[in-house]
Amino acid sequence: MYSSSNSFHKDTNNSMMMSSMKYSEISHFGHPKHKLRFEYSEFPFKCDGCKEIGIGSRYKCSICDYDLHMQCAMPSPTLFHPFYPKCSFQFLSRPPGDIPRYCNACEKVVAGFLYHCVSCGFDLHPCCAKLPMLLEDDEVKLYLYKKVSSPCHRCGQKGRSWSYRSKCKKYNLHVACVRDMIIESWHEIYIGQSKGRKMADTIGIPTIKNTLQAAHNNSSRSKGKKVRKCCEIAGMAVQAVVSAVLGDPTALIAGIAGSLMSRA
C-alpha cells in the first residue's frame, strides 16, 4: 500500500536535501533584494512564504529577517499527490480568488504560498503537500492516512483531516490537531525565543502521554514498565509528527515538541 507513496516522498526529501547541499545560497522571487542562505536552527520561525511556523532547515536573509521553509524556497511548479491521483497541483504565490481558502490536509487557512488544483479546487500548504508518507525513528513507524477510523489522541474525534497512525494502530494524531497545538503555543514559543530561552528548559510532562497512560491503567493487563514504554513511544511519535508538520521531519526537536505536547 505504501511502496509507491513512500518512494514519492523519499525522492522529494532526498531532492530537497541534495538541493540544500548544492545551493547554500539562492535567489528567490519572493525576496529579490538579497540572496537567501541555507541554515539550520533549533528555534522556530515564521515562514514569509506560506505564513506558517517552521523549524530546522530554512533559507534566510539575515539583513531583512526573511525566512522560508525548504519547501517554499524550492517549490515544484507542478505536484501530484498519492491521496489525489486525479489532481494536478500548481504552485501559486498567493491564494486564488477573493474567498478564504483552507488546506485540505490540515484544515487551516491558506494565507501565502500554496499548491492549488484548478479542476478540483483543492489546496495544500507546501509543507503539508510534502509531508512524508512514512515517519520512522527506531521503534516508531507512523504512516500518513487521508482518513482513519480510530480516534485522535488529542481531540478524540475520528475522521477529520489527514492523520499519522502508528503501524501497531495504537497511536493516531490528526495533522489538524498538530496545527492547533502549534498555533496555540506560538506566542509562548516566540517569547521564549526572543528572550534567548531554550524551550528544552521549560517543558513539562506531555499531557498526551498522561492520556495514554490513563487508558492503559484501565486495563488490568497493562502495568509498570509496559505502560511507561508505551508512553515513551507515544511521545516519540508526537515529536516526529510535530517536526514533519513544521517542515523538517529530520529535526525531532525534543524541546519544541515537548512544549507543544504539554498543551495537547
C-alpha atoms as a PDB file:
ATOM      1  CA  MET A   1       0.000   0.000   0.000  1.00  0.00           C
ATOM      2  CA  TYR A   2       2.775   2.431   0.844  1.00  0.00           C
ATOM      3  CA  SER A   3       5.561   1.477  -1.539  1.00  0.00           C
ATOM      4  CA  SER A   4       4.773   3.954  -4.322  1.00  0.00           C
ATOM      5  CA  SER A   5       3.806   6.768  -1.911  1.00  0.00           C
ATOM      6  CA  ASN A   6       6.907   6.259   0.212  1.00  0.00           C
ATOM      7  CA  SER A   7       9.072   6.310  -2.886  1.00  0.00           C
ATOM      8  CA  PHE A   8       7.407   9.564  -3.967  1.00  0.00           C
ATOM      9  CA  HIS A   9       8.148  11.336  -0.683  1.00  0.00           C
ATOM     10  CA  LYS A  10      11.593   9.809  -0.203  1.00  0.00           C
ATOM     11  CA  ASP A  11      12.558  11.170  -3.625  1.00  0.00           C
ATOM     12  CA  THR A  12      11.145  14.576  -2.655  1.00  0.00           C
ATOM     13  CA  ASN A  13      13.004  14.683   0.672  1.00  0.00           C
ATOM     14  CA  ASN A  14      16.249  13.441  -0.864  1.00  0.00           C
ATOM     15  CA  SER A  15      15.957  16.042  -3.603  1.00  0.00           C
ATOM     16  CA  MET A  16      15.475  18.793  -1.019  1.00  0.00           C
ATOM     17  CA  MET A  17      18.482  17.637   0.986  1.00  0.00           C
ATOM     18  CA  MET A  18      20.676  17.478  -2.113  1.00  0.00           C
ATOM     19  CA  SER A  19      19.474  20.919  -3.184  1.00  0.00           C
ATOM     20  CA  SER A  20      20.321  22.433   0.206  1.00  0.00           C
ATOM     21  CA  MET A  21      23.812  20.944  -0.007  1.00  0.00           C
ATOM     22  CA  LYS A  22      24.290  22.182  -3.562  1.00  0.00           C
ATOM     23  CA  TYR A  23      22.620  25.584  -3.124  1.00  0.00           C
ATOM     24  CA  SER A  24      23.909  27.078   0.114  1.00  0.00           C
ATOM     25  CA  GLU A  25      22.837  30.452  -1.290  1.00  0.00           C
ATOM     26  CA  ILE A  26      19.875  31.099  -3.597  1.00  0.00           C
ATOM     27  CA  SER A  27      17.916  33.907  -5.229  1.00  0.00           C
ATOM     28  CA  HIS A  28      14.163  33.822  -4.704  1.00  0.00           C
ATOM     29  CA  PHE A  29      11.306  35.653  -6.448  1.00  0.00           C
ATOM     30  CA  GLY A  30       9.691  36.388  -3.076  1.00  0.00           C
ATOM     31  CA  HIS A  31      12.705  38.363  -1.887  1.00  0.00           C
ATOM     32  CA  PRO A  32      14.591  39.822  -4.877  1.00  0.00           C
ATOM     33  CA  LYS A  33      16.592  42.348  -2.820  1.00  0.00           C
ATOM     34  CA  HIS A  34      19.055  39.878  -1.321  1.00  0.00           C
ATOM     35  CA  LYS A  35      20.140  36.285  -1.650  1.00  0.00           C
ATOM     36  CA  LEU A  36      18.996  33.751   0.908  1.00  0.00           C
ATOM     37  CA  ARG A  37      21.420  31.473   2.705  1.00  0.00           C
ATOM     38  CA  PHE A  38      20.706  27.968   3.911  1.00  0.00           C
ATOM     39  CA  GLU A  39      20.894  27.499   7.671  1.00  0.00           C
ATOM     40  CA  TYR A  40      19.654  25.208  10.409  1.00  0.00           C
ATOM     41  CA  SER A  41      18.149  26.455  13.655  1.00  0.00           C
ATOM     42  CA  GLU A  42      16.536  24.734  16.624  1.00  0.00           C
ATOM     43  CA  PHE A  43      14.379  27.795  17.239  1.00  0.00           C
ATOM     44  CA  PRO A  44      11.039  28.226  15.445  1.00  0.00           C
ATOM     45  CA  PHE A  45      10.486  30.794  12.746  1.00  0.00           C
ATOM     46  CA  LYS A  46       7.556  32.088  10.718  1.00  0.00           C
ATOM     47  CA  CYS A  47       7.898  31.381   7.013  1.00  0.00           C
ATOM     48  CA  ASP A  48       7.413  34.508   4.910  1.00  0.00           C
ATOM     49  CA  GLY A  49       6.234  32.376   2.009  1.00  0.00           C
ATOM     50  CA  CYS A  50       3.373  30.254   3.346  1.00  0.00           C
ATOM     51  CA  LYS A  51       2.980  32.260   6.610  1.00  0.00           C
ATOM     52  CA  GLU A  52       3.217  29.087   8.718  1.00  0.00           C
ATOM     53  CA  ILE A  53       5.615  28.132  11.508  1.00  0.00           C
ATOM     54  CA  GLY A  54       8.794  26.243  10.693  1.00  0.00           C
ATOM     55  CA  ILE A  55      11.801  24.776  12.425  1.00  0.00           C
ATOM     56  CA  GLY A  56      15.144  23.304  11.457  1.00  0.00           C
ATOM     57  CA  SER A  57      16.225  23.731   7.827  1.00  0.00           C
ATOM     58  CA  ARG A  58      15.421  27.035   6.142  1.00  0.00           C
ATOM     59  CA  TYR A  59      16.632  29.721   3.773  1.00  0.00           C
ATOM     60  CA  LYS A  60      17.135  33.087   5.447  1.00  0.00           C
ATOM     61  CA  CYS A  61      18.012  36.682   4.659  1.00  0.00           C
ATOM     62  CA  SER A  62      19.840  37.905   7.736  1.00  0.00           C
ATOM     63  CA  ILE A  63      19.548  41.532   6.594  1.00  0.00           C
ATOM     64  CA  CYS A  64      15.755  41.591   6.334  1.00  0.00           C
ATOM     65  CA  ASP A  65      14.907  38.699   8.647  1.00  0.00           C
ATOM     66  CA  TYR A  66      13.149  36.947   5.756  1.00  0.00           C
ATOM     67  CA  ASP A  67      12.697  33.181   6.206  1.00  0.00           C
ATOM     68  CA  LEU A  68      11.466  30.377   4.000  1.00  0.00           C
ATOM     69  CA  HIS A  69      10.774  26.704   4.581  1.00  0.00           C
ATOM     70  CA  MET A  70      12.796  24.446   2.321  1.00  0.00           C
ATOM     71  CA  GLN A  71       9.509  23.537   0.634  1.00  0.00           C
ATOM     72  CA  CYS A  72       8.736  27.213  -0.034  1.00  0.00           C
ATOM     73  CA  ALA A  73      12.257  28.149  -1.091  1.00  0.00           C
ATOM     74  CA  MET A  74      12.419  25.460  -3.769  1.00  0.00           C
ATOM     75  CA  PRO A  75       8.851  24.595  -4.751  1.00  0.00           C
ATOM     76  CA  SER A  76       7.854  22.261  -7.545  1.00  0.00           C
ATOM     77  CA  PRO A  77       5.953  24.041 -10.366  1.00  0.00           C
ATOM     78  CA  THR A  78       3.567  21.084 -10.522  1.00  0.00           C
ATOM     79  CA  LEU A  79       2.886  18.497  -7.851  1.00  0.00           C
ATOM     80  CA  PHE A  80       0.994  15.202  -7.867  1.00  0.00           C
ATOM     81  CA  HIS A  81      -0.098  13.674  -4.576  1.00  0.00           C
ATOM     82  CA  PRO A  82      -0.939   9.995  -3.892  1.00  0.00           C
ATOM     83  CA  PHE A  83      -4.105  10.992  -1.997  1.00  0.00           C
ATOM     84  CA  TYR A  84      -5.465  12.826  -5.044  1.00  0.00           C
ATOM     85  CA  PRO A  85      -4.462  10.747  -8.079  1.00  0.00           C
ATOM     86  CA  LYS A  86      -6.700  12.734 -10.453  1.00  0.00           C
ATOM     87  CA  CYS A  87      -5.398  16.144  -9.366  1.00  0.00           C
ATOM     88  CA  SER A  88      -2.572  18.256 -10.709  1.00  0.00           C
ATOM     89  CA  PHE A  89      -1.500  20.837  -8.123  1.00  0.00           C
ATOM     90  CA  GLN A  90       0.082  24.056  -9.358  1.00  0.00           C
ATOM     91  CA  PHE A  91       2.342  26.157  -7.146  1.00  0.00           C
ATOM     92  CA  LEU A  92       0.949  29.663  -6.537  1.00  0.00           C
ATOM     93  CA  SER A  93       2.453  32.561  -4.605  1.00  0.00           C
ATOM     94  CA  ARG A  94      -0.969  33.603  -3.275  1.00  0.00           C
ATOM     95  CA  PRO A  95      -4.414  32.016  -2.872  1.00  0.00           C
ATOM     96  CA  PRO A  96      -6.642  32.392  -5.949  1.00  0.00           C
ATOM     97  CA  GLY A  97      -9.901  34.343  -5.809  1.00  0.00           C
ATOM     98  CA  ASP A  98     -11.362  36.502  -3.064  1.00  0.00           C
ATOM     99  CA  ILE A  99     -12.830  33.869  -0.720  1.00  0.00           C
ATOM    100  CA  PRO A 100     -10.899  32.279   2.197  1.00  0.00           C
ATOM    101  CA  ARG A 101      -9.188  29.034   1.270  1.00  0.00           C
ATOM    102  CA  TYR A 102      -8.272  26.135   3.535  1.00  0.00           C
ATOM    103  CA  CYS A 103      -5.641  23.420   3.331  1.00  0.00           C
ATOM    104  CA  ASN A 104      -7.175  20.015   2.630  1.00  0.00           C
ATOM    105  CA  ALA A 105      -4.501  18.351   4.758  1.00  0.00           C
ATOM    106  CA  CYS A 106      -4.596  20.369   7.993  1.00  0.00           C
ATOM    107  CA  GLU A 107      -7.834  22.375   7.587  1.00  0.00           C
ATOM    108  CA  LYS A 108      -6.052  25.660   8.367  1.00  0.00           C
ATOM    109  CA  VAL A 109      -6.346  28.892   6.383  1.00  0.00           C
ATOM    110  CA  VAL A 110      -4.064  29.243   3.379  1.00  0.00           C
ATOM    111  CA  ALA A 111      -2.574  32.734   3.559  1.00  0.00           C
ATOM    112  CA  GLY A 112       0.535  32.566   1.353  1.00  0.00           C
ATOM    113  CA  PHE A 113       2.335  30.091  -0.912  1.00  0.00           C
ATOM    114  CA  LEU A 114       0.229  27.061  -1.784  1.00  0.00           C
ATOM    115  CA  TYR A 115      -0.400  24.211  -4.187  1.00  0.00           C
ATOM    116  CA  HIS A 116      -3.780  24.535  -5.908  1.00  0.00           C
ATOM    117  CA  CYS A 117      -5.729  22.151  -8.141  1.00  0.00           C
ATOM    118  CA  VAL A 118      -7.752  24.207 -10.609  1.00  0.00           C
ATOM    119  CA  SER A 119     -10.097  21.387 -11.610  1.00  0.00           C
ATOM    120  CA  CYS A 120     -10.991  20.244  -8.065  1.00  0.00           C
ATOM    121  CA  GLY A 121     -10.385  23.414  -6.084  1.00  0.00           C
ATOM    122  CA  PHE A 122      -8.218  21.582  -3.542  1.00  0.00           C
ATOM    123  CA  ASP A 123      -5.442  23.477  -1.719  1.00  0.00           C
ATOM    124  CA  LEU A 124      -2.368  22.349   0.188  1.00  0.00           C
ATOM    125  CA  HIS A 125       0.232  24.218   2.222  1.00  0.00           C
ATOM    126  CA  PRO A 126       3.685  23.488   0.739  1.00  0.00           C
ATOM    127  CA  CYS A 127       4.778  21.660   3.911  1.00  0.00           C
ATOM    128  CA  CYS A 128       1.528  19.679   4.022  1.00  0.00           C
ATOM    129  CA  ALA A 129       1.831  18.782   0.350  1.00  0.00           C
ATOM    130  CA  LYS A 130       5.214  17.221   1.025  1.00  0.00           C
ATOM    131  CA  LEU A 131       4.536  15.508   4.341  1.00  0.00           C
ATOM    132  CA  PRO A 132       6.356  12.156   4.358  1.00  0.00           C
ATOM    133  CA  MET A 133       4.108   9.139   3.896  1.00  0.00           C
ATOM    134  CA  LEU A 134       6.266   7.336   6.454  1.00  0.00           C
ATOM    135  CA  LEU A 135       7.949   8.704   9.584  1.00  0.00           C
ATOM    136  CA  GLU A 136      10.367   6.218  11.063  1.00  0.00           C
ATOM    137  CA  ASP A 137      12.584   6.568  14.121  1.00  0.00           C
ATOM    138  CA  ASP A 138      13.854   3.394  15.809  1.00  0.00           C
ATOM    139  CA  GLU A 139      10.775   1.840  17.423  1.00  0.00           C
ATOM    140  CA  VAL A 140       8.244   4.183  15.860  1.00  0.00           C
ATOM    141  CA  LYS A 141       6.729   3.841  12.402  1.00  0.00           C
ATOM    142  CA  LEU A 142       3.998   6.314  11.522  1.00  0.00           C
ATOM    143  CA  TYR A 143       2.032   6.167   8.285  1.00  0.00           C
ATOM    144  CA  LEU A 144       0.169   9.084   6.762  1.00  0.00           C
ATOM    145  CA  TYR A 145      -3.510   8.445   6.028  1.00  0.00           C
ATOM    146  CA  LYS A 146      -6.101  10.619   4.326  1.00  0.00           C
ATOM    147  CA  LYS A 147      -8.611   9.490   6.986  1.00  0.00           C
ATOM    148  CA  VAL A 148      -8.618   6.891   9.748  1.00  0.00           C
ATOM    149  CA  SER A 149     -11.448   5.297  11.700  1.00  0.00           C
ATOM    150  CA  SER A 150      -9.701   5.384  15.091  1.00  0.00           C
ATOM    151  CA  PRO A 151      -9.945   8.465  17.365  1.00  0.00           C
ATOM    152  CA  CYS A 152      -7.187  11.056  17.557  1.00  0.00           C
ATOM    153  CA  HIS A 153      -5.254  11.071  20.847  1.00  0.00           C
ATOM    154  CA  ARG A 154      -5.622  14.833  21.135  1.00  0.00           C
ATOM    155  CA  CYS A 155      -9.218  15.612  20.148  1.00  0.00           C
ATOM    156  CA  GLY A 156     -10.806  12.165  20.462  1.00  0.00           C
ATOM    157  CA  GLN A 157     -12.556  12.537  17.095  1.00  0.00           C
ATOM    158  CA  LYS A 158     -12.495  10.154  14.159  1.00  0.00           C
ATOM    159  CA  GLY A 159     -12.020  11.101  10.545  1.00  0.00           C
ATOM    160  CA  ARG A 160     -11.404  14.838  10.112  1.00  0.00           C
ATOM    161  CA  SER A 161      -8.061  15.758   8.451  1.00  0.00           C
ATOM    162  CA  TRP A 162      -5.050  13.735   7.377  1.00  0.00           C
ATOM    163  CA  SER A 163      -3.617  11.656  10.205  1.00  0.00           C
ATOM    164  CA  TYR A 164      -0.415   9.931  11.184  1.00  0.00           C
ATOM    165  CA  ARG A 165      -1.091   6.472  12.564  1.00  0.00           C
ATOM    166  CA  SER A 166       1.393   4.013  14.017  1.00  0.00           C
ATOM    167  CA  LYS A 167       1.966   0.608  12.481  1.00  0.00           C
ATOM    168  CA  CYS A 168       0.601  -1.011  15.650  1.00  0.00           C
ATOM    169  CA  LYS A 169      -2.532   1.200  15.295  1.00  0.00           C
ATOM    170  CA  LYS A 170      -2.263   2.395  18.922  1.00  0.00           C
ATOM    171  CA  TYR A 171      -1.283   5.973  18.164  1.00  0.00           C
ATOM    172  CA  ASN A 172      -3.160   8.367  15.921  1.00  0.00           C
ATOM    173  CA  LEU A 173      -2.774  12.136  15.589  1.00  0.00           C
ATOM    174  CA  HIS A 174      -4.578  14.459  13.190  1.00  0.00           C
ATOM    175  CA  VAL A 175      -2.394  16.815  11.197  1.00  0.00           C
ATOM    176  CA  ALA A 176      -5.056  19.438  12.019  1.00  0.00           C
ATOM    177  CA  CYS A 177      -4.552  18.836  15.751  1.00  0.00           C
ATOM    178  CA  VAL A 178      -0.812  19.290  15.389  1.00  0.00           C
ATOM    179  CA  ARG A 179      -1.512  22.608  13.660  1.00  0.00           C
ATOM    180  CA  ASP A 180      -3.800  23.558  16.564  1.00  0.00           C
ATOM    181  CA  MET A 181      -1.047  22.818  19.085  1.00  0.00           C
ATOM    182  CA  ILE A 182       1.443  24.874  17.111  1.00  0.00           C
ATOM    183  CA  ILE A 183      -0.884  27.878  16.785  1.00  0.00           C
ATOM    184  CA  GLU A 184      -1.881  27.762  20.461  1.00  0.00           C
ATOM    185  CA  SER A 185       1.758  27.573  21.559  1.00  0.00           C
ATOM    186  CA  TRP A 186       3.251  30.027  19.060  1.00  0.00           C
ATOM    187  CA  HIS A 187       3.145  33.060  21.358  1.00  0.00           C
ATOM    188  CA  GLU A 188       4.847  31.210  24.215  1.00  0.00           C
ATOM    189  CA  ILE A 189       7.499  29.778  21.906  1.00  0.00           C
ATOM    190  CA  TYR A 190       8.144  33.125  20.236  1.00  0.00           C
ATOM    191  CA  ILE A 191       8.506  34.949  23.557  1.00  0.00           C
ATOM    192  CA  GLY A 192      10.876  32.250  24.773  1.00  0.00           C
ATOM    193  CA  GLN A 193      12.940  32.616  21.629  1.00  0.00           C
ATOM    194  CA  SER A 194      13.093  36.409  21.839  1.00  0.00           C
ATOM    195  CA  LYS A 195      14.405  36.187  25.391  1.00  0.00           C
ATOM    196  CA  GLY A 196      17.070  33.710  24.355  1.00  0.00           C
ATOM    197  CA  ARG A 197      15.439  30.980  26.427  1.00  0.00           C
ATOM    198  CA  LYS A 198      15.618  27.427  25.151  1.00  0.00           C
ATOM    199  CA  MET A 199      12.288  25.637  25.295  1.00  0.00           C
ATOM    200  CA  ALA A 200      14.022  22.451  26.451  1.00  0.00           C
ATOM    201  CA  ASP A 201      14.429  24.179  29.817  1.00  0.00           C
ATOM    202  CA  THR A 202      10.716  24.852  30.194  1.00  0.00           C
ATOM    203  CA  ILE A 203       8.888  21.727  29.050  1.00  0.00           C
ATOM    204  CA  GLY A 204       6.548  19.814  31.303  1.00  0.00           C
ATOM    205  CA  ILE A 205       5.155  16.302  31.205  1.00  0.00           C
ATOM    206  CA  PRO A 206       3.260  15.921  27.925  1.00  0.00           C
ATOM    207  CA  THR A 207      -0.448  15.576  28.579  1.00  0.00           C
ATOM    208  CA  ILE A 208      -0.838  13.262  25.627  1.00  0.00           C
ATOM    209  CA  LYS A 209       1.335  10.723  27.440  1.00  0.00           C
ATOM    210  CA  ASN A 210      -0.804  11.061  30.566  1.00  0.00           C
ATOM    211  CA  THR A 211      -3.907  10.420  28.489  1.00  0.00           C
ATOM    212  CA  LEU A 212      -2.426   7.254  27.073  1.00  0.00           C
ATOM    213  CA  GLN A 213      -1.254   6.119  30.488  1.00  0.00           C
ATOM    214  CA  ALA A 214      -4.738   6.616  31.961  1.00  0.00           C
ATOM    215  CA  ALA A 215      -6.162   4.476  29.179  1.00  0.00           C
ATOM    216  CA  HIS A 216      -3.663   1.724  29.868  1.00  0.00           C
ATOM    217  CA  ASN A 217      -4.323   1.875  33.612  1.00  0.00           C
ATOM    218  CA  ASN A 218      -7.929   0.948  32.905  1.00  0.00           C
ATOM    219  CA  SER A 219      -6.685  -2.371  31.597  1.00  0.00           C
ATOM    220  CA  SER A 220      -5.691  -4.908  34.242  1.00  0.00           C
ATOM    221  CA  ARG A 221      -3.123  -6.385  31.892  1.00  0.00           C
ATOM    222  CA  SER A 222      -1.130  -3.158  31.486  1.00  0.00           C
ATOM    223  CA  LYS A 223       1.315  -2.440  34.302  1.00  0.00           C
ATOM    224  CA  GLY A 224       4.622  -0.831  35.206  1.00  0.00           C
ATOM    225  CA  LYS A 225       7.334  -0.920  32.572  1.00  0.00           C
ATOM    226  CA  LYS A 226       4.927  -1.785  29.789  1.00  0.00           C
ATOM    227  CA  VAL A 227       2.897   1.386  30.399  1.00  0.00           C
ATOM    228  CA  ARG A 228       5.993   3.583  30.676  1.00  0.00           C
ATOM    229  CA  LYS A 229       7.459   2.124  27.499  1.00  0.00           C
ATOM    230  CA  CYS A 230       4.210   2.642  25.620  1.00  0.00           C
ATOM    231  CA  CYS A 231       4.053   6.284  26.729  1.00  0.00           C
ATOM    232  CA  GLU A 232       7.682   6.872  25.760  1.00  0.00           C
ATOM    233  CA  ILE A 233       6.947   5.596  22.267  1.00  0.00           C
ATOM    234  CA  ALA A 234       3.830   7.796  22.114  1.00  0.00           C
ATOM    235  CA  GLY A 235       5.962  10.826  22.973  1.00  0.00           C
ATOM    236  CA  MET A 236       8.449   9.941  20.229  1.00  0.00           C
ATOM    237  CA  ALA A 237       5.562   9.572  17.799  1.00  0.00           C
ATOM    238  CA  VAL A 238       4.228  13.060  18.553  1.00  0.00           C
ATOM    239  CA  GLN A 239       7.705  14.584  18.252  1.00  0.00           C
ATOM    240  CA  ALA A 240       8.071  13.030  14.811  1.00  0.00           C
ATOM    241  CA  VAL A 241       4.701  14.364  13.619  1.00  0.00           C
ATOM    242  CA  VAL A 242       5.300  17.863  15.027  1.00  0.00           C
ATOM    243  CA  SER A 243       8.690  18.073  13.300  1.00  0.00           C
ATOM    244  CA  ALA A 244       7.211  16.925   9.984  1.00  0.00           C
ATOM    245  CA  VAL A 245       4.356  19.458  10.111  1.00  0.00           C
ATOM    246  CA  LEU A 246       6.853  22.229  10.939  1.00  0.00           C
ATOM    247  CA  GLY A 247       8.627  21.451   7.695  1.00  0.00           C
ATOM    248  CA  ASP A 248      11.612  19.374   8.792  1.00  0.00           C
ATOM    249  CA  PRO A 249      10.872  15.689   9.530  1.00  0.00           C
ATOM    250  CA  THR A 250      14.538  15.138  10.414  1.00  0.00           C
ATOM    251  CA  ALA A 251      14.523  17.754  13.193  1.00  0.00           C
ATOM    252  CA  LEU A 252      12.783  15.902  16.046  1.00  0.00           C
ATOM    253  CA  ILE A 253      13.435  18.835  18.377  1.00  0.00           C
ATOM    254  CA  ALA A 254      12.529  17.457  21.805  1.00  0.00           C
ATOM    255  CA  GLY A 255      12.166  20.850  23.480  1.00  0.00           C
ATOM    256  CA  ILE A 256       9.757  22.312  20.941  1.00  0.00           C
ATOM    257  CA  ALA A 257       7.792  19.088  20.558  1.00  0.00           C
ATOM    258  CA  GLY A 258       7.576  18.707  24.326  1.00  0.00           C
ATOM    259  CA  SER A 259       6.285  22.240  24.723  1.00  0.00           C
ATOM    260  CA  LEU A 260       3.588  21.657  22.133  1.00  0.00           C
ATOM    261  CA  MET A 261       2.632  18.274  23.581  1.00  0.00           C
ATOM    262  CA  SER A 262       2.155  19.828  27.019  1.00  0.00           C
ATOM    263  CA  ARG A 263      -0.876  21.663  25.609  1.00  0.00           C
ATOM    264  CA  ALA A 264      -2.398  18.598  23.959  1.00  0.00           C
END
